[in-house]
Amino acid sequence: MNNSKNNAAKVADFLLNINAVKLQPSNPFKWASGWNSPIYCDNRKILAYPKIREFIKNEFISLIKEFDTPTCIAGVATGGIAIGAIVAEELGLPFCYVRSESKSHGMKNNIEGDLKLEDKVFVIEDLISSGKSSIKAVRDLKEFGVEITGLGAIFTYGFEVSENNFSEESCSFKTLSNYSVLLETALKNNYISNEELETLVKWRNSPSTWTPNA
């Protein structure tokens, strides 16, 4: 296993170990979109574990080096704010964050911080599903007038729709781990059985139409 895949597996194991990712094929969750899902991801739990938080921070720093050097880090609200600020602190860079929608009062900002037009911004997100919230943040930053060097996230489900959304926006992105690595890690470390793996794979192939016990 190469170092990149090994680290992706470490991230996946951390997420499973602290229940940031929950796999419940026999008792699925209902997403806000209305989809039935055997998986739920809450990467904000990482913040409660200093050693894991440190590992994730360092992984982002390594990932950022694969892109053009940024002059500012931006977090996508809300999941990308804390980890983005930690990464910016380590790199000695300014930090800002992008709201899901503009404030209804005061300055009515949708970007919080002191962003400069000459900035080159790397965007940090916690989770990519359809990619819509990430793409909206990227567009808001572009509309402000800055250059986007790329986007990084902790985890992605790897849906085709997200790949298409990022491609249409011409935004390069990478993640620290992904659904395929997660399933491989979960099976290897006995978080799931072979039967549950089969269910999780079926969901991934058609998440919008998947139903329990289908």
C-alpha atoms as a PDB file:
ATOM      1  CA  MET A   1       0.000   0.000   0.000  1.00  0.00           C
ATOM      2  CA  ASN A   2       1.471   3.371  -0.998  1.00  0.00           C
ATOM      3  CA  ASN A   3       1.778   6.150   1.555  1.00  0.00           C
ATOM      4  CA  SER A   4      -1.141   8.143   0.151  1.00  0.00           C
ATOM      5  CA  LYS A   5      -3.547   5.190   0.339  1.00  0.00           C
ATOM      6  CA  ASN A   6      -2.141   4.180   3.721  1.00  0.00           C
ATOM      7  CA  ASN A   7      -2.875   7.659   5.105  1.00  0.00           C
ATOM      8  CA  ALA A   8      -6.343   7.617   3.533  1.00  0.00           C
ATOM      9  CA  ALA A   9      -6.980   4.334   5.354  1.00  0.00           C
ATOM     10  CA  LYS A  10      -5.731   5.894   8.607  1.00  0.00           C
ATOM     11  CA  VAL A  11      -8.160   8.778   8.184  1.00  0.00           C
ATOM     12  CA  ALA A  12     -10.986   6.319   7.488  1.00  0.00           C
ATOM     13  CA  ASP A  13     -10.119   4.265  10.572  1.00  0.00           C
ATOM     14  CA  PHE A  14     -10.029   7.396  12.731  1.00  0.00           C
ATOM     15  CA  LEU A  15     -13.471   8.430  11.461  1.00  0.00           C
ATOM     16  CA  LEU A  16     -14.896   4.986  12.173  1.00  0.00           C
ATOM     17  CA  ASN A  17     -13.233   4.686  15.581  1.00  0.00           C
ATOM     18  CA  ILE A  18     -14.688   7.951  16.935  1.00  0.00           C
ATOM     19  CA  ASN A  19     -18.082   7.416  15.260  1.00  0.00           C
ATOM     20  CA  ALA A  20     -17.609  10.419  13.015  1.00  0.00           C
ATOM     21  CA  VAL A  21     -18.736   7.940  10.380  1.00  0.00           C
ATOM     22  CA  LYS A  22     -21.538   5.570  11.316  1.00  0.00           C
ATOM     23  CA  LEU A  23     -22.397   2.568   9.154  1.00  0.00           C
ATOM     24  CA  GLN A  24     -25.898   1.188   9.715  1.00  0.00           C
ATOM     25  CA  PRO A  25     -26.967  -0.899   6.700  1.00  0.00           C
ATOM     26  CA  SER A  26     -29.811  -2.545   8.647  1.00  0.00           C
ATOM     27  CA  ASN A  27     -31.009   0.681  10.270  1.00  0.00           C
ATOM     28  CA  PRO A  28     -30.382   3.422   7.708  1.00  0.00           C
ATOM     29  CA  PHE A  29     -30.487   7.150   8.191  1.00  0.00           C
ATOM     30  CA  LYS A  30     -32.694   9.612   6.333  1.00  0.00           C
ATOM     31  CA  TRP A  31     -30.769  12.494   4.781  1.00  0.00           C
ATOM     32  CA  ALA A  32     -32.206  15.990   4.411  1.00  0.00           C
ATOM     33  CA  SER A  33     -32.423  15.272   0.680  1.00  0.00           C
ATOM     34  CA  GLY A  34     -34.869  12.473   1.463  1.00  0.00           C
ATOM     35  CA  TRP A  35     -32.390   9.751   0.513  1.00  0.00           C
ATOM     36  CA  ASN A  36     -32.173   6.608   2.615  1.00  0.00           C
ATOM     37  CA  SER A  37     -28.565   6.104   3.611  1.00  0.00           C
ATOM     38  CA  PRO A  38     -26.673   3.351   5.467  1.00  0.00           C
ATOM     39  CA  ILE A  39     -23.955   5.872   6.320  1.00  0.00           C
ATOM     40  CA  TYR A  40     -23.850   9.122   8.274  1.00  0.00           C
ATOM     41  CA  CYS A  41     -20.803  11.355   8.494  1.00  0.00           C
ATOM     42  CA  ASP A  42     -20.122  14.070  11.095  1.00  0.00           C
ATOM     43  CA  ASN A  43     -16.475  15.087  10.749  1.00  0.00           C
ATOM     44  CA  ARG A  44     -16.828  17.819  13.370  1.00  0.00           C
ATOM     45  CA  LYS A  45     -16.223  15.094  15.964  1.00  0.00           C
ATOM     46  CA  ILE A  46     -12.559  15.197  14.926  1.00  0.00           C
ATOM     47  CA  LEU A  47     -12.195  18.456  16.847  1.00  0.00           C
ATOM     48  CA  ALA A  48     -12.694  16.620  20.158  1.00  0.00           C
ATOM     49  CA  TYR A  49      -9.640  14.397  19.609  1.00  0.00           C
ATOM     50  CA  PRO A  50      -6.314  16.308  19.673  1.00  0.00           C
ATOM     51  CA  LYS A  51      -4.137  13.556  18.156  1.00  0.00           C
ATOM     52  CA  ILE A  52      -6.590  12.907  15.325  1.00  0.00           C
ATOM     53  CA  ARG A  53      -7.065  16.642  14.811  1.00  0.00           C
ATOM     54  CA  GLU A  54      -3.289  17.011  14.516  1.00  0.00           C
ATOM     55  CA  PHE A  55      -3.077  14.184  11.984  1.00  0.00           C
ATOM     56  CA  ILE A  56      -5.871  15.658   9.855  1.00  0.00           C
ATOM     57  CA  LYS A  57      -4.219  19.089   9.996  1.00  0.00           C
ATOM     58  CA  ASN A  58      -0.908  17.680   8.796  1.00  0.00           C
ATOM     59  CA  GLU A  59      -2.616  15.725   6.030  1.00  0.00           C
ATOM     60  CA  PHE A  60      -4.223  18.926   4.767  1.00  0.00           C
ATOM     61  CA  ILE A  61      -0.870  20.700   4.829  1.00  0.00           C
ATOM     62  CA  SER A  62       0.645  17.917   2.715  1.00  0.00           C
ATOM     63  CA  LEU A  63      -2.342  18.015   0.351  1.00  0.00           C
ATOM     64  CA  ILE A  64      -2.112  21.785  -0.114  1.00  0.00           C
ATOM     65  CA  LYS A  65       1.476  21.385  -1.355  1.00  0.00           C
ATOM     66  CA  GLU A  66       0.083  19.551  -4.389  1.00  0.00           C
ATOM     67  CA  PHE A  67      -1.585  22.801  -5.525  1.00  0.00           C
ATOM     68  CA  ASP A  68      -0.310  26.300  -6.294  1.00  0.00           C
ATOM     69  CA  THR A  69       0.865  28.029  -3.116  1.00  0.00           C
ATOM     70  CA  PRO A  70      -2.060  29.888  -1.510  1.00  0.00           C
ATOM     71  CA  THR A  71      -1.909  33.219   0.277  1.00  0.00           C
ATOM     72  CA  CYS A  72      -5.106  32.569   2.234  1.00  0.00           C
ATOM     73  CA  ILE A  73      -7.134  29.624   3.524  1.00  0.00           C
ATOM     74  CA  ALA A  74     -10.937  29.678   3.358  1.00  0.00           C
ATOM     75  CA  GLY A  75     -13.250  27.367   5.294  1.00  0.00           C
ATOM     76  CA  VAL A  76     -16.734  26.421   4.127  1.00  0.00           C
ATOM     77  CA  ALA A  77     -19.312  26.978   6.879  1.00  0.00           C
ATOM     78  CA  THR A  78     -19.759  25.308   9.115  1.00  0.00           C
ATOM     79  CA  GLY A  79     -17.767  22.095   8.994  1.00  0.00           C
ATOM     80  CA  GLY A  80     -14.716  23.590   7.295  1.00  0.00           C
ATOM     81  CA  ILE A  81     -14.286  26.559   9.621  1.00  0.00           C
ATOM     82  CA  ALA A  82     -12.449  25.063  12.595  1.00  0.00           C
ATOM     83  CA  ILE A  83     -10.123  22.724  10.692  1.00  0.00           C
ATOM     84  CA  GLY A  84      -9.473  25.446   8.105  1.00  0.00           C
ATOM     85  CA  ALA A  85      -8.469  27.899  10.829  1.00  0.00           C
ATOM     86  CA  ILE A  86      -6.123  25.318  12.374  1.00  0.00           C
ATOM     87  CA  VAL A  87      -4.469  24.708   9.002  1.00  0.00           C
ATOM     88  CA  ALA A  88      -4.137  28.438   8.331  1.00  0.00           C
ATOM     89  CA  GLU A  89      -2.558  28.903  11.769  1.00  0.00           C
ATOM     90  CA  GLU A  90       0.030  26.196  11.077  1.00  0.00           C
ATOM     91  CA  LEU A  91       0.873  27.710   7.691  1.00  0.00           C
ATOM     92  CA  GLY A  92       0.970  31.260   9.040  1.00  0.00           C
ATOM     93  CA  LEU A  93      -1.678  32.371   6.542  1.00  0.00           C
ATOM     94  CA  PRO A  94      -4.764  34.574   6.801  1.00  0.00           C
ATOM     95  CA  PHE A  95      -8.090  32.780   7.209  1.00  0.00           C
ATOM     96  CA  CYS A  96     -11.625  33.562   6.111  1.00  0.00           C
ATOM     97  CA  TYR A  97     -14.803  31.549   5.880  1.00  0.00           C
ATOM     98  CA  VAL A  98     -17.729  31.443   3.495  1.00  0.00           C
ATOM     99  CA  ARG A  99     -21.296  31.400   4.782  1.00  0.00           C
ATOM    100  CA  SER A 100     -23.964  29.253   3.166  1.00  0.00           C
ATOM    101  CA  GLU A 101     -25.909  32.486   2.682  1.00  0.00           C
ATOM    102  CA  SER A 102     -25.298  36.156   3.356  1.00  0.00           C
ATOM    103  CA  LYS A 103     -26.143  37.629   6.742  1.00  0.00           C
ATOM    104  CA  SER A 104     -29.512  39.355   6.826  1.00  0.00           C
ATOM    105  CA  HIS A 105     -28.200  42.222   8.952  1.00  0.00           C
ATOM    106  CA  GLY A 106     -25.126  44.380   9.518  1.00  0.00           C
ATOM    107  CA  MET A 107     -22.727  44.300   6.552  1.00  0.00           C
ATOM    108  CA  LYS A 108     -24.672  41.358   5.063  1.00  0.00           C
ATOM    109  CA  ASN A 109     -21.422  39.521   4.376  1.00  0.00           C
ATOM    110  CA  ASN A 110     -21.260  36.053   2.927  1.00  0.00           C
ATOM    111  CA  ILE A 111     -17.451  35.972   3.290  1.00  0.00           C
ATOM    112  CA  GLU A 112     -16.094  36.664   6.759  1.00  0.00           C
ATOM    113  CA  GLY A 113     -12.500  37.795   7.178  1.00  0.00           C
ATOM    114  CA  ASP A 114     -10.196  40.291   5.502  1.00  0.00           C
ATOM    115  CA  LEU A 115      -9.864  38.881   2.004  1.00  0.00           C
ATOM    116  CA  LYS A 116      -7.769  40.793  -0.546  1.00  0.00           C
ATOM    117  CA  LEU A 117      -8.377  40.841  -4.296  1.00  0.00           C
ATOM    118  CA  GLU A 118      -4.824  39.673  -4.927  1.00  0.00           C
ATOM    119  CA  ASP A 119      -5.239  36.606  -2.703  1.00  0.00           C
ATOM    120  CA  LYS A 120      -4.847  33.053  -3.954  1.00  0.00           C
ATOM    121  CA  VAL A 121      -7.247  30.980  -1.879  1.00  0.00           C
ATOM    122  CA  PHE A 122      -7.272  27.298  -0.971  1.00  0.00           C
ATOM    123  CA  VAL A 123     -10.705  26.155   0.225  1.00  0.00           C
ATOM    124  CA  ILE A 124     -11.213  23.606   3.004  1.00  0.00           C
ATOM    125  CA  GLU A 125     -14.404  21.587   3.389  1.00  0.00           C
ATOM    126  CA  ASP A 126     -15.204  18.742   5.779  1.00  0.00           C
ATOM    127  CA  LEU A 127     -17.409  16.564   3.557  1.00  0.00           C
ATOM    128  CA  ILE A 128     -18.341  16.309  -0.107  1.00  0.00           C
ATOM    129  CA  SER A 129     -21.620  14.680  -1.066  1.00  0.00           C
ATOM    130  CA  SER A 130     -23.135  16.386  -4.123  1.00  0.00           C
ATOM    131  CA  GLY A 131     -20.515  19.130  -3.887  1.00  0.00           C
ATOM    132  CA  LYS A 132     -23.117  21.889  -4.100  1.00  0.00           C
ATOM    133  CA  SER A 133     -22.131  23.702  -0.881  1.00  0.00           C
ATOM    134  CA  SER A 134     -18.460  23.526  -1.816  1.00  0.00           C
ATOM    135  CA  ILE A 135     -19.103  24.821  -5.327  1.00  0.00           C
ATOM    136  CA  LYS A 136     -21.245  27.664  -3.975  1.00  0.00           C
ATOM    137  CA  ALA A 137     -18.390  28.722  -1.688  1.00  0.00           C
ATOM    138  CA  VAL A 138     -15.945  28.591  -4.596  1.00  0.00           C
ATOM    139  CA  ARG A 139     -18.272  30.710  -6.742  1.00  0.00           C
ATOM    140  CA  ASP A 140     -18.750  33.262  -3.967  1.00  0.00           C
ATOM    141  CA  LEU A 141     -14.985  33.586  -3.616  1.00  0.00           C
ATOM    142  CA  LYS A 142     -14.551  33.917  -7.385  1.00  0.00           C
ATOM    143  CA  GLU A 143     -17.263  36.570  -7.501  1.00  0.00           C
ATOM    144  CA  PHE A 144     -15.343  38.481  -4.833  1.00  0.00           C
ATOM    145  CA  GLY A 145     -12.458  38.455  -7.281  1.00  0.00           C
ATOM    146  CA  VAL A 146      -9.856  36.073  -5.853  1.00  0.00           C
ATOM    147  CA  GLU A 147      -8.129  33.128  -7.503  1.00  0.00           C
ATOM    148  CA  ILE A 148      -8.927  29.622  -6.242  1.00  0.00           C
ATOM    149  CA  THR A 149      -5.893  27.332  -6.079  1.00  0.00           C
ATOM    150  CA  GLY A 150      -8.006  24.285  -5.229  1.00  0.00           C
ATOM    151  CA  LEU A 151     -10.247  22.670  -2.654  1.00  0.00           C
ATOM    152  CA  GLY A 152      -9.584  19.946  -0.107  1.00  0.00           C
ATOM    153  CA  ALA A 153     -12.008  17.936   2.025  1.00  0.00           C
ATOM    154  CA  ILE A 154     -11.694  15.305   4.704  1.00  0.00           C
ATOM    155  CA  PHE A 155     -14.036  12.812   3.060  1.00  0.00           C
ATOM    156  CA  THR A 156     -16.068  12.249  -0.095  1.00  0.00           C
ATOM    157  CA  TYR A 157     -18.765   9.736  -0.997  1.00  0.00           C
ATOM    158  CA  GLY A 158     -17.426   9.912  -4.549  1.00  0.00           C
ATOM    159  CA  PHE A 159     -20.796  10.471  -6.195  1.00  0.00           C
ATOM    160  CA  GLU A 160     -20.668  11.061  -9.943  1.00  0.00           C
ATOM    161  CA  VAL A 161     -22.724  14.229  -9.500  1.00  0.00           C
ATOM    162  CA  SER A 162     -20.005  15.775  -7.321  1.00  0.00           C
ATOM    163  CA  GLU A 163     -17.304  14.925  -9.871  1.00  0.00           C
ATOM    164  CA  ASN A 164     -19.431  16.586 -12.572  1.00  0.00           C
ATOM    165  CA  ASN A 165     -20.122  19.670 -10.445  1.00  0.00           C
ATOM    166  CA  PHE A 166     -16.436  20.272  -9.761  1.00  0.00           C
ATOM    167  CA  SER A 167     -15.553  19.648 -13.398  1.00  0.00           C
ATOM    168  CA  GLU A 168     -18.163  22.140 -14.609  1.00  0.00           C
ATOM    169  CA  GLU A 169     -16.794  24.726 -12.174  1.00  0.00           C
ATOM    170  CA  SER A 170     -13.208  23.958 -13.309  1.00  0.00           C
ATOM    171  CA  CYS A 171     -12.211  23.521  -9.675  1.00  0.00           C
ATOM    172  CA  SER A 172      -9.542  20.986  -8.775  1.00  0.00           C
ATOM    173  CA  PHE A 173     -10.146  19.107  -5.546  1.00  0.00           C
ATOM    174  CA  LYS A 174      -8.702  16.278  -3.478  1.00  0.00           C
ATOM    175  CA  THR A 175      -9.826  14.552  -0.307  1.00  0.00           C
ATOM    176  CA  LEU A 176      -7.998  12.906   2.571  1.00  0.00           C
ATOM    177  CA  SER A 177     -10.126   9.772   2.326  1.00  0.00           C
ATOM    178  CA  ASN A 178     -13.091   8.429   0.380  1.00  0.00           C
ATOM    179  CA  TYR A 179     -15.946   5.934   0.410  1.00  0.00           C
ATOM    180  CA  SER A 180     -14.054   3.100  -1.283  1.00  0.00           C
ATOM    181  CA  VAL A 181     -11.167   3.299   1.179  1.00  0.00           C
ATOM    182  CA  LEU A 182     -13.641   3.571   4.049  1.00  0.00           C
ATOM    183  CA  LEU A 183     -15.406   0.335   3.095  1.00  0.00           C
ATOM    184  CA  GLU A 184     -12.108  -1.487   2.633  1.00  0.00           C
ATOM    185  CA  THR A 185     -10.924  -0.260   6.033  1.00  0.00           C
ATOM    186  CA  ALA A 186     -14.244  -1.032   7.733  1.00  0.00           C
ATOM    187  CA  LEU A 187     -14.226  -4.621   6.481  1.00  0.00           C
ATOM    188  CA  LYS A 188     -10.557  -5.174   7.341  1.00  0.00           C
ATOM    189  CA  ASN A 189     -11.026  -3.866  10.882  1.00  0.00           C
ATOM    190  CA  ASN A 190     -14.327  -5.700  11.477  1.00  0.00           C
ATOM    191  CA  TYR A 191     -16.617  -2.688  11.591  1.00  0.00           C
ATOM    192  CA  ILE A 192     -18.818  -4.415   8.994  1.00  0.00           C
ATOM    193  CA  SER A 193     -19.461  -7.931   7.676  1.00  0.00           C
ATOM    194  CA  ASN A 194     -19.195  -9.089   4.046  1.00  0.00           C
ATOM    195  CA  GLU A 195     -22.983  -9.011   3.820  1.00  0.00           C
ATOM    196  CA  GLU A 196     -23.087  -5.430   5.082  1.00  0.00           C
ATOM    197  CA  LEU A 197     -20.336  -4.525   2.620  1.00  0.00           C
ATOM    198  CA  GLU A 198     -22.523  -5.754  -0.220  1.00  0.00           C
ATOM    199  CA  THR A 199     -25.375  -3.523   0.970  1.00  0.00           C
ATOM    200  CA  LEU A 200     -23.076  -0.506   1.289  1.00  0.00           C
ATOM    201  CA  VAL A 201     -21.757  -1.044  -2.234  1.00  0.00           C
ATOM    202  CA  LYS A 202     -25.311  -1.288  -3.619  1.00  0.00           C
ATOM    203  CA  TRP A 203     -26.207   2.016  -1.930  1.00  0.00           C
ATOM    204  CA  ARG A 204     -23.157   3.715  -3.402  1.00  0.00           C
ATOM    205  CA  ASN A 205     -24.113   2.548  -6.886  1.00  0.00           C
ATOM    206  CA  SER A 206     -27.576   4.117  -6.686  1.00  0.00           C
ATOM    207  CA  PRO A 207     -27.943   6.291  -3.559  1.00  0.00           C
ATOM    208  CA  SER A 208     -31.017   8.259  -4.671  1.00  0.00           C
ATOM    209  CA  THR A 209     -33.143   5.158  -5.265  1.00  0.00           C
ATOM    210  CA  TRP A 210     -31.700   2.748  -2.690  1.00  0.00           C
ATOM    211  CA  THR A 211     -34.108   1.357  -0.105  1.00  0.00           C
ATOM    212  CA  PRO A 212     -33.339  -0.836   2.926  1.00  0.00           C
ATOM    213  CA  ASN A 213     -33.292  -4.585   2.231  1.00  0.00           C
ATOM    214  CA  ALA A 214     -33.463  -3.906  -1.493  1.00  0.00           C
END
